[in-house]
Amino acid sequence: MIGFLGYNFYFYSNENSEPIHVHVSKGKPSKNSVKFWIRENGIEIAYNHVNIPQNELNRIYKYICANKTIIIPRWYKYFGIPK
């Protein structure tokens, strides 16, 4: 799990059939989270179930963009998928 601005970034073990993505929430992992798809051509919000304020979403988005080279290999490792 990665942390930033009091938010935690994590994966769910039953979602490896989906494209690369990360969940973000305050505190422990929760279904009430924000899901960010991480694609080759950019990052987008799949959903925001916790209504994180837009200014914080913008900062989290920038953080993910700046750290996707760290997040992507962790996603592959977490799911045991060779890259």
PDB file of N, CA and C in Angstrom:
ATOM      1  N   MET A   1       0.851  -1.175   0.000  1.00  0.00           N
ATOM      2  CA  MET A   1       0.000   0.000   0.000  1.00  0.00           C
ATOM      3  C   MET A   1       0.896   1.237   0.000  1.00  0.00           C
ATOM      4  N   ILE A   2       0.527   2.204  -0.776  1.00  0.00           N
ATOM      5  CA  ILE A   2       1.239   3.475  -0.888  1.00  0.00           C
ATOM      6  C   ILE A   2       0.368   4.538  -0.246  1.00  0.00           C
ATOM      7  N   GLY A   3       0.960   5.540   0.383  1.00  0.00           N
ATOM      8  CA  GLY A   3       0.192   6.621   0.986  1.00  0.00           C
ATOM      9  C   GLY A   3       0.591   7.980   0.446  1.00  0.00           C
ATOM     10  N   PHE A   4      -0.374   8.902   0.408  1.00  0.00           N
ATOM     11  CA  PHE A   4      -0.147  10.267  -0.061  1.00  0.00           C
ATOM     12  C   PHE A   4      -1.296  11.139   0.438  1.00  0.00           C
ATOM     13  N   LEU A   5      -1.000  12.259   1.083  1.00  0.00           N
ATOM     14  CA  LEU A   5      -2.005  13.203   1.594  1.00  0.00           C
ATOM     15  C   LEU A   5      -3.009  12.551   2.541  1.00  0.00           C
ATOM     16  N   GLY A   6      -2.595  11.495   3.230  1.00  0.00           N
ATOM     17  CA  GLY A   6      -3.505  10.792   4.125  1.00  0.00           C
ATOM     18  C   GLY A   6      -4.372   9.758   3.425  1.00  0.00           C
ATOM     19  N   TYR A   7      -4.195   9.596   2.116  1.00  0.00           N
ATOM     20  CA  TYR A   7      -4.930   8.598   1.341  1.00  0.00           C
ATOM     21  C   TYR A   7      -4.058   7.374   1.144  1.00  0.00           C
ATOM     22  N   ASN A   8      -4.683   6.219   1.077  1.00  0.00           N
ATOM     23  CA  ASN A   8      -3.978   4.976   0.788  1.00  0.00           C
ATOM     24  C   ASN A   8      -4.329   4.516  -0.619  1.00  0.00           C
ATOM     25  N   PHE A   9      -3.345   3.961  -1.289  1.00  0.00           N
ATOM     26  CA  PHE A   9      -3.477   3.448  -2.646  1.00  0.00           C
ATOM     27  C   PHE A   9      -3.315   1.939  -2.557  1.00  0.00           C
ATOM     28  N   TYR A  10      -4.231   1.180  -3.157  1.00  0.00           N
ATOM     29  CA  TYR A  10      -4.186  -0.267  -2.987  1.00  0.00           C
ATOM     30  C   TYR A  10      -4.879  -0.973  -4.155  1.00  0.00           C
ATOM     31  N   PHE A  11      -4.681  -2.298  -4.181  1.00  0.00           N
ATOM     32  CA  PHE A  11      -5.298  -3.169  -5.182  1.00  0.00           C
ATOM     33  C   PHE A  11      -6.196  -4.154  -4.453  1.00  0.00           C
ATOM     34  N   TYR A  12      -7.199  -4.661  -5.158  1.00  0.00           N
ATOM     35  CA  TYR A  12      -8.031  -5.752  -4.645  1.00  0.00           C
ATOM     36  C   TYR A  12      -7.651  -7.019  -5.390  1.00  0.00           C
ATOM     37  N   SER A  13      -7.478  -8.106  -4.662  1.00  0.00           N
ATOM     38  CA  SER A  13      -6.961  -9.338  -5.259  1.00  0.00           C
ATOM     39  C   SER A  13      -7.914 -10.005  -6.239  1.00  0.00           C
ATOM     40  N   ASN A  14      -9.168  -9.634  -6.265  1.00  0.00           N
ATOM     41  CA  ASN A  14     -10.110 -10.276  -7.189  1.00  0.00           C
ATOM     42  C   ASN A  14     -10.354  -9.438  -8.448  1.00  0.00           C
ATOM     43  N   GLU A  15      -9.470  -8.517  -8.760  1.00  0.00           N
ATOM     44  CA  GLU A  15      -9.698  -7.628  -9.901  1.00  0.00           C
ATOM     45  C   GLU A  15      -8.588  -7.677 -10.947  1.00  0.00           C
ATOM     46  N   ASN A  16      -7.877  -8.796 -11.021  1.00  0.00           N
ATOM     47  CA  ASN A  16      -6.779  -8.853 -11.978  1.00  0.00           C
ATOM     48  C   ASN A  16      -7.241  -9.046 -13.421  1.00  0.00           C
ATOM     49  N   SER A  17      -8.538  -9.277 -13.627  1.00  0.00           N
ATOM     50  CA  SER A  17      -9.042  -9.385 -15.006  1.00  0.00           C
ATOM     51  C   SER A  17      -9.358  -8.005 -15.584  1.00  0.00           C
ATOM     52  N   GLU A  18      -9.267  -6.985 -14.763  1.00  0.00           N
ATOM     53  CA  GLU A  18      -9.509  -5.606 -15.211  1.00  0.00           C
ATOM     54  C   GLU A  18      -8.192  -4.981 -15.665  1.00  0.00           C
ATOM     55  N   PRO A  19      -8.276  -3.876 -16.415  1.00  0.00           N
ATOM     56  CA  PRO A  19      -7.051  -3.151 -16.766  1.00  0.00           C
ATOM     57  C   PRO A  19      -6.355  -2.649 -15.490  1.00  0.00           C
ATOM     58  N   ILE A  20      -5.115  -2.264 -15.628  1.00  0.00           N
ATOM     59  CA  ILE A  20      -4.342  -1.764 -14.489  1.00  0.00           C
ATOM     60  C   ILE A  20      -5.078  -0.587 -13.869  1.00  0.00           C
ATOM     61  N   HIS A  21      -5.220  -0.640 -12.551  1.00  0.00           N
ATOM     62  CA  HIS A  21      -5.895   0.439 -11.838  1.00  0.00           C
ATOM     63  C   HIS A  21      -5.483   0.409 -10.374  1.00  0.00           C
ATOM     64  N   VAL A  22      -5.810   1.482  -9.684  1.00  0.00           N
ATOM     65  CA  VAL A  22      -5.515   1.588  -8.260  1.00  0.00           C
ATOM     66  C   VAL A  22      -6.733   2.201  -7.576  1.00  0.00           C
ATOM     67  N   HIS A  23      -7.004   1.729  -6.359  1.00  0.00           N
ATOM     68  CA  HIS A  23      -8.069   2.290  -5.531  1.00  0.00           C
ATOM     69  C   HIS A  23      -7.434   3.260  -4.546  1.00  0.00           C
ATOM     70  N   VAL A  24      -8.166   4.316  -4.182  1.00  0.00           N
ATOM     71  CA  VAL A  24      -7.666   5.322  -3.245  1.00  0.00           C
ATOM     72  C   VAL A  24      -8.761   5.629  -2.243  1.00  0.00           C
ATOM     73  N   SER A  25      -8.399   5.627  -0.951  1.00  0.00           N
ATOM     74  CA  SER A  25      -9.345   6.019   0.100  1.00  0.00           C
ATOM     75  C   SER A  25      -8.574   6.459   1.331  1.00  0.00           C
ATOM     76  N   LYS A  26      -9.253   7.169   2.215  1.00  0.00           N
ATOM     77  CA  LYS A  26      -8.669   7.541   3.508  1.00  0.00           C
ATOM     78  C   LYS A  26      -8.737   6.323   4.413  1.00  0.00           C
ATOM     79  N   GLY A  27      -7.692   6.122   5.204  1.00  0.00           N
ATOM     80  CA  GLY A  27      -7.709   5.007   6.139  1.00  0.00           C
ATOM     81  C   GLY A  27      -7.543   3.674   5.443  1.00  0.00           C
ATOM     82  N   LYS A  28      -8.154   2.651   6.026  1.00  0.00           N
ATOM     83  CA  LYS A  28      -7.979   1.297   5.493  1.00  0.00           C
ATOM     84  C   LYS A  28      -8.743   1.118   4.182  1.00  0.00           C
ATOM     85  N   PRO A  29      -8.338   0.121   3.384  1.00  0.00           N
ATOM     86  CA  PRO A  29      -9.038  -0.144   2.121  1.00  0.00           C
ATOM     87  C   PRO A  29     -10.544  -0.308   2.325  1.00  0.00           C
ATOM     88  N   SER A  30     -11.295   0.241   1.385  1.00  0.00           N
ATOM     89  CA  SER A  30     -12.744   0.244   1.492  1.00  0.00           C
ATOM     90  C   SER A  30     -13.358   0.189   0.101  1.00  0.00           C
ATOM     91  N   LYS A  31     -14.527  -0.406  -0.012  1.00  0.00           N
ATOM     92  CA  LYS A  31     -15.260  -0.370  -1.284  1.00  0.00           C
ATOM     93  C   LYS A  31     -15.664   1.064  -1.619  1.00  0.00           C
ATOM     94  N   ASN A  32     -15.736   1.916  -0.610  1.00  0.00           N
ATOM     95  CA  ASN A  32     -16.001   3.338  -0.825  1.00  0.00           C
ATOM     96  C   ASN A  32     -14.667   4.006  -1.122  1.00  0.00           C
ATOM     97  N   SER A  33     -14.320   3.988  -2.389  1.00  0.00           N
ATOM     98  CA  SER A  33     -13.016   4.488  -2.803  1.00  0.00           C
ATOM     99  C   SER A  33     -13.141   5.202  -4.140  1.00  0.00           C
ATOM    100  N   VAL A  34     -12.012   5.693  -4.599  1.00  0.00           N
ATOM    101  CA  VAL A  34     -11.898   6.217  -5.957  1.00  0.00           C
ATOM    102  C   VAL A  34     -11.063   5.200  -6.722  1.00  0.00           C
ATOM    103  N   LYS A  35     -11.497   4.868  -7.924  1.00  0.00           N
ATOM    104  CA  LYS A  35     -10.718   3.953  -8.764  1.00  0.00           C
ATOM    105  C   LYS A  35     -10.164   4.742  -9.936  1.00  0.00           C
ATOM    106  N   PHE A  36      -8.848   4.643 -10.113  1.00  0.00           N
ATOM    107  CA  PHE A  36      -8.166   5.284 -11.233  1.00  0.00           C
ATOM    108  C   PHE A  36      -7.681   4.203 -12.193  1.00  0.00           C
ATOM    109  N   TRP A  37      -8.118   4.261 -13.462  1.00  0.00           N
ATOM    110  CA  TRP A  37      -7.552   3.403 -14.503  1.00  0.00           C
ATOM    111  C   TRP A  37      -6.197   3.992 -14.878  1.00  0.00           C
ATOM    112  N   ILE A  38      -5.211   3.142 -15.051  1.00  0.00           N
ATOM    113  CA  ILE A  38      -3.880   3.583 -15.478  1.00  0.00           C
ATOM    114  C   ILE A  38      -3.626   2.948 -16.836  1.00  0.00           C
ATOM    115  N   ARG A  39      -3.724   3.762 -17.866  1.00  0.00           N
ATOM    116  CA  ARG A  39      -3.592   3.271 -19.244  1.00  0.00           C
ATOM    117  C   ARG A  39      -2.356   3.883 -19.896  1.00  0.00           C
ATOM    118  N   GLU A  40      -1.952   3.299 -21.000  1.00  0.00           N
ATOM    119  CA  GLU A  40      -0.783   3.817 -21.717  1.00  0.00           C
ATOM    120  C   GLU A  40      -0.984   5.269 -22.147  1.00  0.00           C
ATOM    121  N   ASN A  41      -2.205   5.595 -22.543  1.00  0.00           N
ATOM    122  CA  ASN A  41      -2.470   6.938 -23.064  1.00  0.00           C
ATOM    123  C   ASN A  41      -2.991   7.905 -22.001  1.00  0.00           C
ATOM    124  N   GLY A  42      -2.952   7.507 -20.729  1.00  0.00           N
ATOM    125  CA  GLY A  42      -3.362   8.429 -19.674  1.00  0.00           C
ATOM    126  C   GLY A  42      -4.031   7.744 -18.505  1.00  0.00           C
ATOM    127  N   ILE A  43      -4.435   8.545 -17.569  1.00  0.00           N
ATOM    128  CA  ILE A  43      -5.073   8.067 -16.344  1.00  0.00           C
ATOM    129  C   ILE A  43      -6.447   8.705 -16.269  1.00  0.00           C
ATOM    130  N   GLU A  44      -7.445   7.905 -15.865  1.00  0.00           N
ATOM    131  CA  GLU A  44      -8.795   8.452 -15.740  1.00  0.00           C
ATOM    132  C   GLU A  44      -9.476   7.873 -14.504  1.00  0.00           C
ATOM    133  N   ILE A  45     -10.435   8.608 -14.011  1.00  0.00           N
ATOM    134  CA  ILE A  45     -11.205   8.148 -12.852  1.00  0.00           C
ATOM    135  C   ILE A  45     -12.319   7.242 -13.347  1.00  0.00           C
ATOM    136  N   ALA A  46     -12.348   6.026 -12.821  1.00  0.00           N
ATOM    137  CA  ALA A  46     -13.430   5.090 -13.152  1.00  0.00           C
ATOM    138  C   ALA A  46     -14.659   5.421 -12.327  1.00  0.00           C
ATOM    139  N   TYR A  47     -14.446   5.713 -11.036  1.00  0.00           N
ATOM    140  CA  TYR A  47     -15.531   6.157 -10.157  1.00  0.00           C
ATOM    141  C   TYR A  47     -14.965   6.818  -8.919  1.00  0.00           C
ATOM    142  N   ASN A  48     -15.810   7.605  -8.259  1.00  0.00           N
ATOM    143  CA  ASN A  48     -15.451   8.299  -7.020  1.00  0.00           C
ATOM    144  C   ASN A  48     -16.579   8.042  -6.024  1.00  0.00           C
ATOM    145  N   HIS A  49     -16.521   6.939  -5.306  1.00  0.00           N
ATOM    146  CA  HIS A  49     -17.577   6.570  -4.357  1.00  0.00           C
ATOM    147  C   HIS A  49     -17.453   7.250  -2.998  1.00  0.00           C
ATOM    148  N   VAL A  50     -16.398   8.032  -2.806  1.00  0.00           N
ATOM    149  CA  VAL A  50     -16.237   8.717  -1.514  1.00  0.00           C
ATOM    150  C   VAL A  50     -16.298  10.230  -1.660  1.00  0.00           C
ATOM    151  N   ASN A  51     -16.507  10.680  -2.862  1.00  0.00           N
ATOM    152  CA  ASN A  51     -16.628  12.117  -3.129  1.00  0.00           C
ATOM    153  C   ASN A  51     -15.449  12.919  -2.597  1.00  0.00           C
ATOM    154  N   ILE A  52     -14.250  12.482  -2.941  1.00  0.00           N
ATOM    155  CA  ILE A  52     -13.050  13.252  -2.599  1.00  0.00           C
ATOM    156  C   ILE A  52     -13.160  14.593  -3.316  1.00  0.00           C
ATOM    157  N   PRO A  53     -12.882  15.688  -2.624  1.00  0.00           N
ATOM    158  CA  PRO A  53     -12.977  17.005  -3.258  1.00  0.00           C
ATOM    159  C   PRO A  53     -12.090  17.110  -4.509  1.00  0.00           C
ATOM    160  N   GLN A  54     -12.555  17.873  -5.474  1.00  0.00           N
ATOM    161  CA  GLN A  54     -11.870  17.981  -6.760  1.00  0.00           C
ATOM    162  C   GLN A  54     -10.415  18.428  -6.617  1.00  0.00           C
ATOM    163  N   ASN A  55     -10.135  19.366  -5.727  1.00  0.00           N
ATOM    164  CA  ASN A  55      -8.746  19.835  -5.592  1.00  0.00           C
ATOM    165  C   ASN A  55      -7.833  18.707  -5.103  1.00  0.00           C
ATOM    166  N   GLU A  56      -8.338  17.836  -4.223  1.00  0.00           N
ATOM    167  CA  GLU A  56      -7.538  16.705  -3.762  1.00  0.00           C
ATOM    168  C   GLU A  56      -7.446  15.635  -4.849  1.00  0.00           C
ATOM    169  N   LEU A  57      -8.523  15.426  -5.594  1.00  0.00           N
ATOM    170  CA  LEU A  57      -8.476  14.488  -6.719  1.00  0.00           C
ATOM    171  C   LEU A  57      -7.412  14.914  -7.732  1.00  0.00           C
ATOM    172  N   ASN A  58      -7.327  16.206  -7.985  1.00  0.00           N
ATOM    173  CA  ASN A  58      -6.318  16.721  -8.917  1.00  0.00           C
ATOM    174  C   ASN A  58      -4.910  16.412  -8.417  1.00  0.00           C
ATOM    175  N   ARG A  59      -4.677  16.582  -7.128  1.00  0.00           N
ATOM    176  CA  ARG A  59      -3.357  16.291  -6.560  1.00  0.00           C
ATOM    177  C   ARG A  59      -3.061  14.795  -6.604  1.00  0.00           C
ATOM    178  N   ILE A  60      -4.062  13.970  -6.306  1.00  0.00           N
ATOM    179  CA  ILE A  60      -3.890  12.512  -6.367  1.00  0.00           C
ATOM    180  C   ILE A  60      -3.622  12.078  -7.804  1.00  0.00           C
ATOM    181  N   TYR A  61      -4.364  12.638  -8.742  1.00  0.00           N
ATOM    182  CA  TYR A  61      -4.167  12.348 -10.165  1.00  0.00           C
ATOM    183  C   TYR A  61      -2.724  12.650 -10.580  1.00  0.00           C
ATOM    184  N   LYS A  62      -2.233  13.824 -10.211  1.00  0.00           N
ATOM    185  CA  LYS A  62      -0.855  14.209 -10.543  1.00  0.00           C
ATOM    186  C   LYS A  62       0.148  13.267  -9.891  1.00  0.00           C
ATOM    187  N   TYR A  63      -0.146  12.851  -8.660  1.00  0.00           N
ATOM    188  CA  TYR A  63       0.725  11.915  -7.953  1.00  0.00           C
ATOM    189  C   TYR A  63       0.781  10.579  -8.698  1.00  0.00           C
ATOM    190  N   ILE A  64      -0.369  10.079  -9.125  1.00  0.00           N
ATOM    191  CA  ILE A  64      -0.403   8.826  -9.870  1.00  0.00           C
ATOM    192  C   ILE A  64       0.354   8.969 -11.189  1.00  0.00           C
ATOM    193  N   CYS A  65       0.145  10.067 -11.891  1.00  0.00           N
ATOM    194  CA  CYS A  65       0.872  10.310 -13.144  1.00  0.00           C
ATOM    195  C   CYS A  65       2.384  10.287 -12.914  1.00  0.00           C
ATOM    196  N   ALA A  66       2.824  10.946 -11.853  1.00  0.00           N
ATOM    197  CA  ALA A  66       4.256  11.035 -11.553  1.00  0.00           C
ATOM    198  C   ALA A  66       4.835   9.709 -11.077  1.00  0.00           C
ATOM    199  N   ASN A  67       3.991   8.817 -10.564  1.00  0.00           N
ATOM    200  CA  ASN A  67       4.479   7.566  -9.973  1.00  0.00           C
ATOM    201  C   ASN A  67       3.973   6.304 -10.661  1.00  0.00           C
ATOM    202  N   LYS A  68       3.423   6.445 -11.859  1.00  0.00           N
ATOM    203  CA  LYS A  68       2.875   5.259 -12.515  1.00  0.00           C
ATOM    204  C   LYS A  68       3.962   4.242 -12.853  1.00  0.00           C
ATOM    205  N   THR A  69       5.208   4.684 -13.018  1.00  0.00           N
ATOM    206  CA  THR A  69       6.293   3.736 -13.281  1.00  0.00           C
ATOM    207  C   THR A  69       6.619   2.897 -12.044  1.00  0.00           C
ATOM    208  N   ILE A  70       6.148   3.307 -10.891  1.00  0.00           N
ATOM    209  CA  ILE A  70       6.274   2.523  -9.658  1.00  0.00           C
ATOM    210  C   ILE A  70       5.012   1.687  -9.445  1.00  0.00           C
ATOM    211  N   ILE A  71       3.849   2.296  -9.670  1.00  0.00           N
ATOM    212  CA  ILE A  71       2.570   1.632  -9.419  1.00  0.00           C
ATOM    213  C   ILE A  71       2.353   0.452 -10.365  1.00  0.00           C
ATOM    214  N   ILE A  72       2.642   0.628 -11.646  1.00  0.00           N
ATOM    215  CA  ILE A  72       2.383  -0.435 -12.628  1.00  0.00           C
ATOM    216  C   ILE A  72       3.155  -1.715 -12.312  1.00  0.00           C
ATOM    217  N   PRO A  73       4.476  -1.652 -12.066  1.00  0.00           N
ATOM    218  CA  PRO A  73       5.182  -2.891 -11.716  1.00  0.00           C
ATOM    219  C   PRO A  73       4.658  -3.529 -10.430  1.00  0.00           C
ATOM    220  N   ARG A  74       4.228  -2.715  -9.477  1.00  0.00           N
ATOM    221  CA  ARG A  74       3.639  -3.273  -8.248  1.00  0.00           C
ATOM    222  C   ARG A  74       2.330  -3.993  -8.533  1.00  0.00           C
ATOM    223  N   TRP A  75       1.539  -3.461  -9.465  1.00  0.00           N
ATOM    224  CA  TRP A  75       0.287  -4.113  -9.847  1.00  0.00           C
ATOM    225  C   TRP A  75       0.576  -5.491 -10.437  1.00  0.00           C
ATOM    226  N   TYR A  76       1.532  -5.545 -11.382  1.00  0.00           N
ATOM    227  CA  TYR A  76       1.895  -6.828 -11.988  1.00  0.00           C
ATOM    228  C   TYR A  76       2.422  -7.805 -10.935  1.00  0.00           C
ATOM    229  N   LYS A  77       3.270  -7.326 -10.043  1.00  0.00           N
ATOM    230  CA  LYS A  77       3.816  -8.186  -8.993  1.00  0.00           C
ATOM    231  C   LYS A  77       2.717  -8.678  -8.059  1.00  0.00           C
ATOM    232  N   TYR A  78       1.804  -7.786  -7.666  1.00  0.00           N
ATOM    233  CA  TYR A  78       0.724  -8.140  -6.750  1.00  0.00           C
ATOM    234  C   TYR A  78      -0.117  -9.289  -7.315  1.00  0.00           C
ATOM    235  N   PHE A  79      -0.382  -9.239  -8.619  1.00  0.00           N
ATOM    236  CA  PHE A  79      -1.210 -10.264  -9.246  1.00  0.00           C
ATOM    237  C   PHE A  79      -0.401 -11.427  -9.817  1.00  0.00           C
ATOM    238  N   GLY A  80       0.936 -11.363  -9.657  1.00  0.00           N
ATOM    239  CA  GLY A  80       1.771 -12.454 -10.141  1.00  0.00           C
ATOM    240  C   GLY A  80       1.762 -12.595 -11.642  1.00  0.00           C
ATOM    241  N   ILE A  81       1.638 -11.456 -12.321  1.00  0.00           N
ATOM    242  CA  ILE A  81       1.580 -11.459 -13.777  1.00  0.00           C
ATOM    243  C   ILE A  81       2.958 -11.042 -14.310  1.00  0.00           C
ATOM    244  N   PRO A  82       3.590 -11.895 -15.126  1.00  0.00           N
ATOM    245  CA  PRO A  82       4.900 -11.490 -15.690  1.00  0.00           C
ATOM    246  C   PRO A  82       4.715 -10.342 -16.662  1.00  0.00           C
ATOM    247  N   LYS A  83       5.627  -9.437 -16.635  1.00  0.00           N
ATOM    248  CA  LYS A  83       5.558  -8.267 -17.523  1.00  0.00           C
ATOM    249  C   LYS A  83       6.528  -8.457 -18.646  1.00  0.00           C
TER     250      LYS A  83
END
